[in-house]
Amino acid sequence: MAEGRQPRVRLENSLNAVVLVGGRSRRMGRPKQNLRRGCLTLAEIAVAAIEGFVHRVVLAGDGPVPESLDGLERIADIPGLAGPLGGILAAMRRTPESAWIVSACDMPRIRREAVEWLLSQRRPGVWAILPRGAAGRVEPLFALYEPQMKNTLERRAAMARFGFQRLAGSKRVRCPSPPNEILDAWTSVNTLEEFEGASVIDVL
């Protein structure tokens, strides 16, 4: 079916979430998801922020996670598909009729208010919500993908080069700017220095 003729988004679609834990964390030097500030790791912060808004949270990738998350379903990244797209598409293939909140595991200030705002941006006819971060670039890893977006991502995965920024020009993709009071929820950390300089939000 042609892209423009796919079914309209139904806002009552089932909703799940995937937290990506398969990154190599080369610049950090250790698994980002297990970095701990106080009683919570970054993976636990992401899960705690999203739980309650979705039917289930799954973890994509083979990275280690704290024991508290052992009860969550784990899915493997798609072999041969590098980067976060391998985890996103693995989730969408697992439950193609679902909408998915996608979260990286390196955002210390992700919190429930930001998840609530993200969900409020859903609209009929819109297949993805990719918010714009502080630098104006779209942020695909704390974002929402409707099931209609799967075919587009599958086509992009088949390309030799893929960049999420290119999705910003699609009429099916909304790229709103979050309010200033929650904008820092889309800030990721890539080094220990960045992590030590970031305050962790208490999401519990």
Protein backbone atom coordinates (compact mmCIF):
# COMPACT_ATOMS: atom_id res chain seq x y z
CA MET A 1 0.00 0.00 0.00
CA ALA A 2 1.33 3.45 -0.85
CA GLU A 3 2.49 5.60 2.07
CA GLY A 4 -0.25 8.16 1.59
CA ARG A 5 -3.00 5.52 1.57
CA GLN A 6 -2.23 3.74 4.84
CA PRO A 7 -4.91 3.74 7.56
CA ARG A 8 -5.28 6.80 9.74
CA VAL A 9 -3.94 6.63 13.28
CA ARG A 10 -6.46 5.57 15.88
CA LEU A 11 -5.67 7.16 19.20
CA GLU A 12 -7.04 4.11 21.00
CA ASN A 13 -4.25 1.91 19.62
CA SER A 14 -2.55 -0.27 22.21
CA LEU A 15 0.54 1.41 23.60
CA ASN A 16 3.81 -0.19 24.69
CA ALA A 17 7.29 1.11 25.42
CA VAL A 18 10.79 -0.05 24.59
CA VAL A 19 13.94 1.05 26.41
CA LEU A 20 17.07 0.58 24.29
CA VAL A 21 19.91 -1.08 26.20
CA GLY A 22 22.00 -2.48 23.36
CA GLY A 23 24.43 0.38 22.81
CA ARG A 24 28.15 -0.16 23.15
CA SER A 25 28.69 2.97 25.33
CA ARG A 26 32.17 3.48 23.89
CA ARG A 27 32.55 7.10 25.01
CA MET A 28 31.17 6.33 28.46
CA GLY A 29 33.44 3.35 28.96
CA ARG A 30 30.76 1.36 30.78
CA PRO A 31 27.09 0.45 30.18
CA LYS A 32 25.09 3.67 30.43
CA GLN A 33 21.96 1.91 31.63
CA ASN A 34 23.71 0.78 34.82
CA LEU A 35 25.11 4.17 35.81
CA ARG A 36 23.74 4.86 39.26
CA ARG A 37 22.89 8.08 41.04
CA GLY A 38 21.51 7.38 44.49
CA CYS A 39 19.17 4.39 44.47
CA LEU A 40 18.36 4.35 40.75
CA THR A 41 20.18 3.43 37.57
CA LEU A 42 19.48 5.23 34.30
CA ALA A 43 17.58 2.18 33.02
CA GLU A 44 15.40 2.19 36.15
CA ILE A 45 14.75 5.91 35.75
CA ALA A 46 13.48 5.40 32.19
CA VAL A 47 11.28 2.46 33.13
CA ALA A 48 9.84 4.19 36.19
CA ALA A 49 8.98 7.30 34.17
CA ILE A 50 7.10 5.34 31.51
CA GLU A 51 5.37 2.63 33.55
CA GLY A 52 1.73 3.41 34.16
CA PHE A 53 1.30 5.05 30.76
CA VAL A 54 1.74 1.86 28.74
CA HIS A 55 0.55 -1.72 28.67
CA ARG A 56 4.09 -3.05 29.06
CA VAL A 57 7.73 -1.97 28.94
CA VAL A 58 10.27 -4.14 27.13
CA LEU A 59 14.05 -3.89 26.88
CA ALA A 60 15.72 -4.09 23.47
CA GLY A 61 19.34 -5.17 23.20
CA ASP A 62 21.72 -7.44 25.05
CA GLY A 63 23.21 -4.95 27.49
CA PRO A 64 23.28 -5.74 31.22
CA VAL A 65 20.53 -4.30 33.38
CA PRO A 66 19.97 -4.15 37.16
CA GLU A 67 18.28 -7.09 38.82
CA SER A 68 15.17 -5.00 39.49
CA LEU A 69 14.42 -5.11 35.75
CA ASP A 70 14.93 -8.86 35.31
CA GLY A 71 11.17 -9.37 35.10
CA LEU A 72 10.82 -7.26 31.96
CA GLU A 73 10.67 -8.90 28.56
CA ARG A 74 13.92 -8.75 26.60
CA ILE A 75 14.04 -8.65 22.80
CA ALA A 76 17.10 -8.84 20.59
CA ASP A 77 18.11 -6.05 18.24
CA ILE A 78 17.67 -6.95 14.58
CA PRO A 79 20.92 -8.59 13.40
CA GLY A 80 22.91 -6.56 10.92
CA LEU A 81 20.99 -3.35 11.60
CA ALA A 82 23.31 -1.01 13.44
CA GLY A 83 22.23 1.71 15.82
CA PRO A 84 18.95 2.33 17.63
CA LEU A 85 16.83 1.48 14.59
CA GLY A 86 17.62 -2.19 15.25
CA GLY A 87 15.90 -2.00 18.63
CA ILE A 88 13.00 0.14 17.46
CA LEU A 89 12.13 -2.15 14.58
CA ALA A 90 12.59 -5.25 16.73
CA ALA A 91 9.87 -3.92 19.04
CA MET A 92 7.57 -2.93 16.18
CA ARG A 93 7.98 -6.31 14.53
CA ARG A 94 7.18 -8.05 17.80
CA THR A 95 3.86 -6.21 18.19
CA PRO A 96 3.15 -4.45 14.87
CA GLU A 97 -0.37 -3.37 15.87
CA SER A 98 0.94 -1.36 18.83
CA ALA A 99 2.14 2.19 19.15
CA TRP A 100 5.53 2.44 20.87
CA ILE A 101 7.17 4.95 23.15
CA VAL A 102 10.90 4.62 22.49
CA SER A 103 13.41 5.66 25.13
CA ALA A 104 17.17 5.61 25.21
CA CYS A 105 18.83 4.55 28.46
CA ASP A 106 21.04 7.62 28.81
CA MET A 107 18.58 10.38 29.73
CA PRO A 108 18.95 11.14 33.45
CA ARG A 109 16.10 13.67 33.54
CA ILE A 110 13.37 11.72 31.78
CA ARG A 111 10.22 11.86 33.92
CA ARG A 112 6.50 11.28 33.93
CA GLU A 113 5.58 14.88 33.06
CA ALA A 114 7.60 14.56 29.85
CA VAL A 115 5.94 11.24 28.97
CA GLU A 116 2.53 12.78 29.56
CA TRP A 117 3.37 15.72 27.28
CA LEU A 118 4.66 13.36 24.58
CA LEU A 119 1.40 11.42 24.59
CA SER A 120 -0.60 14.64 24.41
CA GLN A 121 0.99 15.36 21.02
CA ARG A 122 -0.65 12.39 19.27
CA ARG A 123 -2.97 13.35 16.42
CA PRO A 124 -5.00 11.43 13.82
CA GLY A 125 -2.98 11.10 10.64
CA VAL A 126 0.35 11.53 12.45
CA TRP A 127 2.56 8.46 12.52
CA ALA A 128 5.39 9.66 14.77
CA ILE A 129 6.15 12.31 17.36
CA LEU A 130 9.83 13.28 17.29
CA PRO A 131 10.29 16.22 19.66
CA ARG A 132 12.91 18.88 19.04
CA GLY A 133 15.60 19.13 21.70
CA ALA A 134 17.34 22.24 22.95
CA ALA A 135 19.57 22.39 19.85
CA GLY A 136 16.57 22.20 17.52
CA ARG A 137 17.36 18.70 16.26
CA VAL A 138 14.67 16.03 16.41
CA GLU A 139 15.09 13.50 19.19
CA PRO A 140 14.12 10.02 17.95
CA LEU A 141 15.01 8.18 21.16
CA PHE A 142 12.50 9.70 23.49
CA ALA A 143 9.71 9.69 20.98
CA LEU A 144 6.50 7.97 19.94
CA TYR A 145 5.93 5.79 16.89
CA GLU A 146 2.47 4.76 15.76
CA PRO A 147 2.09 1.34 14.06
CA GLN A 148 1.66 3.03 10.67
CA MET A 149 5.28 4.20 10.94
CA LYS A 150 6.65 0.66 10.74
CA ASN A 151 6.59 0.41 6.94
CA THR A 152 8.45 3.71 6.63
CA LEU A 153 11.13 2.57 9.07
CA GLU A 154 11.43 -0.78 7.30
CA ARG A 155 12.11 1.03 4.03
CA ARG A 156 14.63 3.31 5.72
CA ALA A 157 16.36 0.30 7.27
CA ALA A 158 16.97 -1.06 3.78
CA MET A 159 18.86 2.09 2.79
CA ALA A 160 22.65 2.17 2.94
CA ARG A 161 22.45 5.30 5.09
CA PHE A 162 19.72 6.26 7.46
CA GLY A 163 19.29 9.38 9.55
CA PHE A 164 16.29 10.10 11.76
CA GLN A 165 16.68 13.81 11.03
CA ARG A 166 15.40 13.13 7.52
CA LEU A 167 12.03 12.11 8.96
CA ALA A 168 11.44 15.67 10.14
CA GLY A 169 10.32 16.68 6.67
CA SER A 170 7.55 14.12 6.44
CA LYS A 171 3.95 15.34 6.67
CA ARG A 172 3.24 12.27 8.80
CA VAL A 173 5.78 13.22 11.46
CA ARG A 174 5.24 15.92 14.09
CA CYS A 175 8.30 17.60 15.58
CA PRO A 176 6.98 19.83 18.37
CA SER A 177 9.21 21.63 20.85
CA PRO A 178 8.61 20.59 24.47
CA PRO A 179 7.89 23.30 27.04
CA ASN A 180 10.99 24.74 28.68
CA GLU A 181 10.17 23.20 32.05
CA ILE A 182 10.52 19.66 30.67
CA LEU A 183 12.92 20.25 27.77
CA ASP A 184 15.86 18.80 29.72
CA ALA A 185 14.15 15.39 29.68
CA TRP A 186 15.49 15.02 26.12
CA THR A 187 19.11 15.56 27.19
CA SER A 188 21.35 12.51 26.91
CA VAL A 189 24.75 11.85 28.46
CA ASN A 190 27.64 10.31 26.53
CA THR A 191 30.57 10.69 28.92
CA LEU A 192 31.12 10.32 32.64
CA GLU A 193 31.69 14.07 32.86
CA GLU A 194 28.28 14.74 31.33
CA PHE A 195 26.66 12.23 33.65
CA GLU A 196 28.28 13.70 36.76
CA GLY A 197 27.08 17.15 35.69
CA ALA A 198 23.48 16.07 35.20
CA SER A 199 20.99 16.05 38.03
CA VAL A 200 18.80 12.98 38.15
CA ILE A 201 15.06 13.56 38.46
CA ASP A 202 13.20 11.67 41.18
CA VAL A 203 10.51 9.95 39.16
CA LEU A 204 9.09 7.85 41.98
